[in-house]
Amino acid sequence: MKKNIIFFANTLWFLNKFKYELIKDISKDKKITCIYLRKGPTCDTRKINNLKSIHGVKFIHFKNFFINYSYSIIHSFFKFKRENLIYEKIIIFTIGPILISLLFPNFYKKKTVYVLEGLGRVFSSTKTINKLLKKFIIRIYRFLFNKCNIVFVLNYDDYLYLLENKICKINKVKVLPGTGINHLKIEKSFSGKRKDKKYIDYIGRIIIEKGFYKFILTSLNFKKFYPELDEQYTFRIISPKEDIENLSKDEINFLIKNNIVIKPYLIEPFSYYEESKALIVPSTYGEGLSRVVLEASYIGIPILANKIRGIVEILPNDYRYFIESNNPFSIAQQLAEMINDDEYFNSIKKALKRNIEKNYSVEKSIIEFNANVFKS
């Protein structure tokens, strides 16, 4: 009989977008139930249906799972059968589900695997409320991580943070090469040359920690001090649909007035990458590994990025275009220089691709995950 495995994440989109290959691989000899708190951005329904019909994966909202689980417990008292309640592993991603796991029965805690996909917004923010919240979350993490089976992080900076703050024991933490990217799929999508590279892009959530306002003010400085270059390119924001809908009418009008295009996430971002001349990543967000930087680096899009965890692991240590100052005028200066430095990016393109293929492929991520979670 196949053993039961739970995947628990904040959104269905996250499971679909970042864990599809992992779920597909594990479902070969395990019964998998995917639990999510909300749907999130638009998903690739073809992939979900594939996992359901061919691999027998179940997808269920947490509320429904909780109701069904509670009913099963009551039913088990009368039937004396608990097969449906037994799980070999409970694999949990993102902060919301991690905190909810505090409510799990004690006998499940030692079967739980946490994947810390970055420390997140609370750990990056300078707001007083988030600083207080961080202290509270650290206490919960400390309790959960020392009772669980294993904790995965995506970079050694996060590993160090967990150890130095005594959040987790050293023998329980492992480093994964992120979710891994499907570089063969990218190669297929970009079999020809990228055409009409006219956009300077920001790809991410519309939040302060991601550098949203820094990007906007950089575009204003670029327009003012580099008008000849500005005529050739358009600044573009690519964000989740719900984030765009939360922008105020004044903010939308301001973006339109300053010729800043705003687009929603797509299931696959390749049509955006095809048009991208450069990418600005002014984030201070505590990411595990930046998926956007991984993909853009592999494709060969010039990136102007903050030198932070989750990004320094991907780009060379002597990378020429780490952001030197968070002043938007300074970022605009570096952007103007970067746009005209094709020679540099042509010289590092092959090395970047080799590094990503060797260390951050989806195959490597799956192998290391399985080796640590299901080892005999």
Protein backbone atom coordinates (compact mmCIF):
# COMPACT_ATOMS: atom_id res chain seq x y z
CA MET A 1 0.00 0.00 0.00
CA LYS A 2 1.24 3.46 -0.90
CA LYS A 3 2.06 5.66 2.08
CA ASN A 4 0.26 8.97 2.57
CA ILE A 5 2.11 12.28 2.13
CA ILE A 6 0.75 15.77 2.73
CA PHE A 7 1.97 18.89 0.92
CA PHE A 8 0.72 22.03 2.67
CA ALA A 9 1.26 25.53 1.24
CA ASN A 10 -0.27 28.97 1.35
CA THR A 11 -1.64 28.88 -2.21
CA LEU A 12 -2.63 26.39 -4.88
CA TRP A 13 -0.62 28.58 -7.27
CA PHE A 14 2.56 27.99 -5.25
CA LEU A 15 2.14 24.21 -5.35
CA ASN A 16 1.38 24.33 -9.07
CA LYS A 17 4.09 26.79 -10.05
CA PHE A 18 7.00 25.70 -7.87
CA LYS A 19 6.34 22.14 -6.68
CA TYR A 20 4.81 20.45 -9.73
CA GLU A 21 7.90 18.39 -10.66
CA LEU A 22 8.54 17.40 -7.03
CA ILE A 23 4.92 16.32 -6.45
CA LYS A 24 4.92 14.41 -9.74
CA ASP A 25 8.11 12.57 -8.81
CA ILE A 26 7.04 11.62 -5.27
CA SER A 27 3.57 10.53 -6.45
CA LYS A 28 5.15 7.60 -8.32
CA ASP A 29 5.17 5.54 -5.13
CA LYS A 30 3.30 7.72 -2.58
CA LYS A 31 -0.28 8.90 -2.13
CA ILE A 32 -0.17 12.70 -2.07
CA THR A 33 -2.72 15.17 -0.74
CA CYS A 34 -2.04 18.84 -1.49
CA ILE A 35 -3.59 21.30 0.96
CA TYR A 36 -3.76 25.06 0.38
CA LEU A 37 -5.19 28.09 2.21
CA ARG A 38 -6.26 29.98 -0.93
CA LYS A 39 -5.97 29.67 -4.70
CA GLY A 40 -3.69 32.67 -5.33
CA PRO A 41 -2.79 33.80 -8.89
CA THR A 42 -4.03 31.95 -11.97
CA CYS A 43 -2.84 28.34 -12.10
CA ASP A 44 -1.98 26.03 -14.97
CA THR A 45 -5.08 23.80 -14.82
CA ARG A 46 -3.51 21.40 -17.30
CA LYS A 47 -0.76 20.57 -14.80
CA ILE A 48 -3.21 20.18 -11.93
CA ASN A 49 -5.47 17.88 -13.96
CA ASN A 50 -2.42 15.85 -14.95
CA LEU A 51 -1.48 15.34 -11.30
CA LYS A 52 -5.07 14.44 -10.43
CA SER A 53 -5.92 12.06 -13.27
CA ILE A 54 -2.58 10.39 -14.01
CA HIS A 55 -0.83 10.52 -10.64
CA GLY A 56 -3.81 10.36 -8.26
CA VAL A 57 -2.88 13.55 -6.39
CA LYS A 58 -5.66 15.14 -4.35
CA PHE A 59 -6.03 18.92 -4.01
CA ILE A 60 -8.12 20.23 -1.14
CA HIS A 61 -8.70 23.56 0.61
CA PHE A 62 -7.48 23.54 4.22
CA LYS A 63 -10.96 24.25 5.59
CA ASN A 64 -12.37 21.17 3.85
CA PHE A 65 -9.40 19.05 4.86
CA PHE A 66 -9.83 20.11 8.49
CA ILE A 67 -13.54 19.22 8.44
CA ASN A 68 -12.85 15.84 6.80
CA TYR A 69 -9.99 15.10 9.19
CA SER A 70 -12.13 15.94 12.25
CA TYR A 71 -14.91 13.69 10.96
CA SER A 72 -12.42 10.85 10.36
CA ILE A 73 -11.15 11.09 13.93
CA ILE A 74 -14.69 10.82 15.33
CA HIS A 75 -15.47 7.98 12.91
CA SER A 76 -12.30 6.11 13.88
CA PHE A 77 -13.45 5.81 17.49
CA PHE A 78 -16.33 3.66 16.34
CA LYS A 79 -14.71 1.73 13.47
CA PHE A 80 -11.30 1.37 15.10
CA LYS A 81 -9.56 2.03 11.78
CA ARG A 82 -7.09 4.87 11.41
CA GLU A 83 -5.45 4.11 8.04
CA ASN A 84 -6.68 7.36 6.48
CA LEU A 85 -5.24 9.35 9.39
CA ILE A 86 -1.72 7.98 9.11
CA TYR A 87 0.79 10.08 7.18
CA GLU A 88 4.41 9.18 6.55
CA LYS A 89 5.45 12.81 6.08
CA ILE A 90 3.79 16.22 6.29
CA ILE A 91 5.71 18.65 4.09
CA ILE A 92 4.96 22.30 4.86
CA PHE A 93 5.90 25.43 2.91
CA THR A 94 5.54 29.19 3.61
CA ILE A 95 4.87 31.06 6.82
CA GLY A 96 1.06 30.71 7.11
CA PRO A 97 0.97 26.89 6.98
CA ILE A 98 4.05 26.70 9.23
CA LEU A 99 2.24 28.68 11.93
CA ILE A 100 -0.97 26.65 11.48
CA SER A 101 1.02 23.44 12.01
CA LEU A 102 1.31 24.49 15.66
CA LEU A 103 -2.22 23.03 15.98
CA PHE A 104 -1.25 19.60 14.64
CA PRO A 105 -1.35 16.65 17.06
CA ASN A 106 2.00 15.94 18.74
CA PHE A 107 2.42 12.54 17.09
CA TYR A 108 2.55 14.31 13.69
CA LYS A 109 5.15 16.89 14.65
CA LYS A 110 8.07 14.47 14.40
CA LYS A 111 6.88 13.51 10.89
CA THR A 112 6.78 17.11 9.72
CA VAL A 113 9.21 18.52 7.17
CA TYR A 114 9.45 22.31 6.97
CA VAL A 115 10.71 24.02 3.83
CA LEU A 116 11.62 27.60 4.73
CA GLU A 117 11.45 29.29 1.32
CA GLY A 118 13.11 32.38 2.79
CA LEU A 119 12.68 34.28 6.04
CA GLY A 120 10.08 36.45 4.37
CA ARG A 121 8.60 39.89 4.71
CA VAL A 122 8.32 40.01 8.51
CA PHE A 123 12.06 39.36 8.91
CA SER A 124 12.95 42.00 6.27
CA SER A 125 10.69 44.83 7.41
CA THR A 126 11.80 47.75 9.56
CA LYS A 127 8.25 48.49 10.75
CA THR A 128 7.77 48.32 14.52
CA ILE A 129 4.76 46.02 14.24
CA ASN A 130 6.75 43.54 12.13
CA LYS A 131 9.69 43.64 14.54
CA LEU A 132 7.33 42.64 17.35
CA LEU A 133 5.71 40.00 15.16
CA LYS A 134 9.15 38.61 14.28
CA LYS A 135 9.89 37.95 17.98
CA PHE A 136 6.60 36.06 18.27
CA ILE A 137 7.25 34.02 15.10
CA ILE A 138 10.78 33.13 16.21
CA ARG A 139 9.37 31.59 19.39
CA ILE A 140 6.92 29.49 17.39
CA TYR A 141 9.63 28.45 14.93
CA ARG A 142 11.89 27.49 17.82
CA PHE A 143 9.18 25.24 19.27
CA LEU A 144 8.17 23.65 15.95
CA PHE A 145 11.60 23.22 14.38
CA ASN A 146 13.02 21.39 17.35
CA LYS A 147 10.16 18.87 17.33
CA CYS A 148 10.02 18.26 13.57
CA ASN A 149 11.78 15.75 11.33
CA ILE A 150 13.84 18.19 9.22
CA VAL A 151 14.02 21.87 8.21
CA PHE A 152 15.07 22.82 4.69
CA VAL A 153 16.42 26.28 3.88
CA LEU A 154 17.45 27.51 0.44
CA ASN A 155 20.65 29.35 1.33
CA TYR A 156 23.39 29.26 3.96
CA ASP A 157 22.54 32.76 5.20
CA ASP A 158 19.18 31.47 6.46
CA TYR A 159 20.91 28.38 7.86
CA LEU A 160 23.26 30.64 9.83
CA TYR A 161 20.35 32.75 11.07
CA LEU A 162 18.54 29.70 12.45
CA LEU A 163 21.67 28.54 14.27
CA GLU A 164 22.83 31.89 15.66
CA ASN A 165 19.35 32.67 16.99
CA LYS A 166 19.01 29.14 18.43
CA ILE A 167 15.87 28.54 16.39
CA CYS A 168 16.86 25.07 15.24
CA LYS A 169 19.44 22.40 16.04
CA ILE A 170 22.34 22.15 13.61
CA ASN A 171 21.66 18.49 12.78
CA LYS A 172 18.09 19.20 11.67
CA VAL A 173 18.81 21.83 9.00
CA LYS A 174 19.60 21.01 5.37
CA VAL A 175 20.20 23.31 2.40
CA LEU A 176 18.23 22.72 -0.81
CA PRO A 177 19.11 24.28 -4.20
CA GLY A 178 15.73 26.00 -4.17
CA THR A 179 12.82 24.65 -6.15
CA GLY A 180 15.11 24.26 -9.12
CA ILE A 181 14.34 25.54 -12.59
CA ASN A 182 13.48 23.48 -15.64
CA HIS A 183 16.28 24.77 -17.86
CA LEU A 184 15.35 22.38 -20.70
CA LYS A 185 11.89 23.97 -20.83
CA ILE A 186 13.48 27.42 -20.92
CA GLU A 187 15.77 26.35 -23.77
CA LYS A 188 12.74 25.12 -25.71
CA SER A 189 10.86 28.37 -25.09
CA PHE A 190 13.83 30.47 -26.24
CA SER A 191 15.02 28.42 -29.21
CA GLY A 192 15.39 31.64 -31.18
CA LYS A 193 16.75 35.06 -30.29
CA ARG A 194 14.77 37.37 -28.03
CA LYS A 195 13.17 40.11 -30.11
CA ASP A 196 12.08 43.67 -29.49
CA LYS A 197 13.75 44.04 -26.07
CA LYS A 198 12.05 47.27 -25.10
CA TYR A 199 11.08 46.89 -21.42
CA ILE A 200 12.91 47.56 -18.16
CA ASP A 201 11.12 45.27 -15.75
CA TYR A 202 10.17 44.91 -12.12
CA ILE A 203 8.76 41.43 -11.42
CA GLY A 204 7.38 40.86 -7.94
CA ARG A 205 4.80 41.66 -5.29
CA ILE A 206 3.70 45.27 -4.88
CA ILE A 207 5.17 45.72 -1.42
CA ILE A 208 7.79 48.02 0.07
CA GLU A 209 10.23 45.21 0.90
CA LYS A 210 10.34 44.17 -2.77
CA GLY A 211 11.40 47.69 -3.74
CA PHE A 212 8.24 48.65 -5.62
CA TYR A 213 8.51 52.40 -4.94
CA LYS A 214 12.27 52.39 -5.55
CA PHE A 215 11.56 51.05 -9.02
CA ILE A 216 9.03 53.80 -9.74
CA LEU A 217 11.36 56.57 -8.56
CA THR A 218 14.23 55.03 -10.51
CA SER A 219 12.11 55.34 -13.65
CA LEU A 220 11.48 59.05 -12.92
CA ASN A 221 15.21 59.69 -12.49
CA PHE A 222 15.99 57.74 -15.63
CA LYS A 223 13.46 59.77 -17.59
CA LYS A 224 14.89 63.04 -16.28
CA PHE A 225 18.64 62.41 -16.57
CA TYR A 226 18.79 59.93 -19.49
CA PRO A 227 16.03 61.13 -21.86
CA GLU A 228 17.70 59.66 -24.98
CA LEU A 229 17.81 56.20 -23.44
CA ASP A 230 14.37 56.61 -21.91
CA GLU A 231 12.87 57.13 -25.37
CA GLN A 232 14.06 53.64 -26.34
CA TYR A 233 12.63 51.77 -23.36
CA THR A 234 9.47 51.48 -21.27
CA PHE A 235 9.41 50.69 -17.56
CA ARG A 236 7.10 47.79 -16.74
CA ILE A 237 5.71 46.32 -13.50
CA ILE A 238 4.69 42.64 -13.51
CA SER A 239 2.81 41.64 -10.35
CA PRO A 240 0.00 39.36 -9.09
CA LYS A 241 -3.44 40.44 -10.25
CA GLU A 242 -4.70 40.93 -6.69
CA ASP A 243 -1.78 43.28 -5.91
CA ILE A 244 -2.57 45.35 -8.99
CA GLU A 245 -6.23 45.54 -7.98
CA ASN A 246 -5.20 46.87 -4.55
CA LEU A 247 -3.43 49.89 -6.06
CA SER A 248 -5.30 53.14 -5.48
CA LYS A 249 -6.81 55.12 -8.34
CA ASP A 250 -4.21 57.85 -7.75
CA GLU A 251 -1.37 55.33 -8.01
CA ILE A 252 -2.76 53.86 -11.24
CA ASN A 253 -3.14 57.34 -12.75
CA PHE A 254 0.40 58.24 -11.69
CA LEU A 255 1.81 55.14 -13.42
CA ILE A 256 -0.15 55.85 -16.60
CA LYS A 257 0.92 59.51 -16.60
CA ASN A 258 4.58 58.49 -16.34
CA ASN A 259 4.30 55.81 -19.02
CA ILE A 260 4.91 52.90 -16.60
CA VAL A 261 3.14 49.80 -17.87
CA ILE A 262 1.60 47.38 -15.36
CA LYS A 263 0.86 43.75 -16.22
CA PRO A 264 -0.40 40.72 -14.25
CA TYR A 265 1.56 37.53 -13.63
CA LEU A 266 1.16 34.91 -16.33
CA ILE A 267 1.18 31.16 -15.78
CA GLU A 268 4.47 31.14 -17.67
CA PRO A 269 6.49 34.40 -17.82
CA PHE A 270 8.38 33.66 -21.05
CA SER A 271 6.46 36.13 -23.22
CA TYR A 272 7.52 38.88 -20.77
CA TYR A 273 11.14 37.74 -20.72
CA GLU A 274 11.24 37.84 -24.52
CA GLU A 275 10.62 41.59 -24.43
CA SER A 276 12.82 42.42 -21.45
CA LYS A 277 15.95 44.51 -21.96
CA ALA A 278 16.83 44.64 -18.27
CA LEU A 279 15.54 43.60 -14.87
CA ILE A 280 15.73 45.69 -11.68
CA VAL A 281 15.52 43.78 -8.38
CA PRO A 282 15.71 46.45 -5.62
CA SER A 283 14.40 44.03 -2.99
CA THR A 284 15.31 43.75 0.68
CA TYR A 285 12.91 40.82 1.04
CA GLY A 286 14.24 37.72 2.81
CA GLU A 287 14.00 35.28 -0.09
CA GLY A 288 15.37 31.77 -0.08
CA LEU A 289 16.46 31.90 -3.71
CA SER A 290 15.11 34.43 -6.19
CA ARG A 291 13.25 32.51 -8.90
CA VAL A 292 13.14 35.61 -11.08
CA VAL A 293 16.93 36.10 -10.86
CA LEU A 294 17.50 32.40 -11.61
CA GLU A 295 15.33 32.50 -14.73
CA ALA A 296 16.56 35.88 -15.98
CA SER A 297 20.22 34.90 -15.42
CA TYR A 298 19.77 31.69 -17.35
CA ILE A 299 18.12 33.52 -20.25
CA GLY A 300 20.80 36.22 -20.25
CA ILE A 301 18.75 39.26 -19.24
CA PRO A 302 20.94 41.94 -17.56
CA ILE A 303 20.01 42.26 -13.88
CA LEU A 304 20.51 45.20 -11.52
CA ALA A 305 19.97 43.69 -8.09
CA ASN A 306 20.52 44.27 -4.38
CA LYS A 307 23.31 42.15 -2.90
CA ILE A 308 21.12 40.17 -0.52
CA ARG A 309 20.47 36.55 0.49
CA GLY A 310 18.79 34.55 -2.23
CA ILE A 311 20.52 36.59 -4.94
CA VAL A 312 24.24 36.50 -4.07
CA GLU A 313 24.12 32.69 -4.33
CA ILE A 314 23.14 32.95 -8.00
CA LEU A 315 25.29 35.80 -9.35
CA PRO A 316 29.12 35.86 -9.32
CA ASN A 317 30.82 37.38 -6.28
CA ASP A 318 32.45 40.01 -8.52
CA TYR A 319 29.21 40.71 -10.41
CA ARG A 320 29.43 44.22 -11.81
CA TYR A 321 25.82 45.33 -11.31
CA PHE A 322 24.89 44.83 -7.71
CA ILE A 323 23.01 47.95 -6.55
CA GLU A 324 25.50 50.25 -4.83
CA SER A 325 23.00 52.62 -3.22
CA ASN A 326 19.26 52.47 -2.62
CA ASN A 327 18.98 56.07 -3.76
CA PRO A 328 16.81 55.95 -6.94
CA PHE A 329 19.11 58.45 -8.66
CA SER A 330 22.09 56.13 -8.11
CA ILE A 331 20.07 53.12 -9.33
CA ALA A 332 19.17 55.05 -12.50
CA GLN A 333 22.86 55.81 -13.08
CA GLN A 334 23.79 52.14 -12.77
CA LEU A 335 20.89 51.16 -15.02
CA ALA A 336 22.08 53.51 -17.78
CA GLU A 337 25.57 52.02 -17.56
CA MET A 338 24.26 48.44 -17.52
CA ILE A 339 22.03 48.88 -20.56
CA ASN A 340 25.06 49.84 -22.65
CA ASP A 341 27.31 47.04 -21.34
CA ASP A 342 26.39 44.18 -23.68
CA GLU A 343 30.03 43.11 -23.87
CA TYR A 344 30.12 42.28 -20.13
CA PHE A 345 26.92 40.23 -20.19
CA ASN A 346 28.00 38.32 -23.28
CA SER A 347 31.24 37.44 -21.46
CA ILE A 348 29.49 35.96 -18.37
CA LYS A 349 26.46 34.38 -20.06
CA LYS A 350 27.91 30.87 -20.46
CA ALA A 351 29.30 30.74 -16.91
CA LEU A 352 25.92 31.78 -15.45
CA LYS A 353 24.10 29.08 -17.41
CA ARG A 354 26.59 26.39 -16.37
CA ASN A 355 26.27 27.39 -12.71
CA ILE A 356 22.47 27.21 -12.81
CA GLU A 357 22.41 23.89 -14.69
CA LYS A 358 24.90 22.38 -12.24
CA ASN A 359 23.56 23.72 -8.95
CA TYR A 360 19.96 24.90 -9.39
CA SER A 361 18.22 22.51 -11.76
CA VAL A 362 14.87 20.98 -10.84
CA GLU A 363 16.46 17.51 -11.11
CA LYS A 364 19.11 18.35 -8.51
CA SER A 365 16.51 19.83 -6.17
CA ILE A 366 14.32 16.71 -6.35
CA ILE A 367 17.26 14.33 -5.83
CA GLU A 368 18.47 16.19 -2.74
CA PHE A 369 14.95 16.54 -1.33
CA ASN A 370 14.18 12.84 -1.69
CA ALA A 371 17.58 11.78 -0.38
CA ASN A 372 17.03 13.70 2.86
CA VAL A 373 13.31 13.17 3.42
CA PHE A 374 12.85 9.54 2.37
CA LYS A 375 16.27 8.10 3.08
CA SER A 376 16.22 4.66 4.67
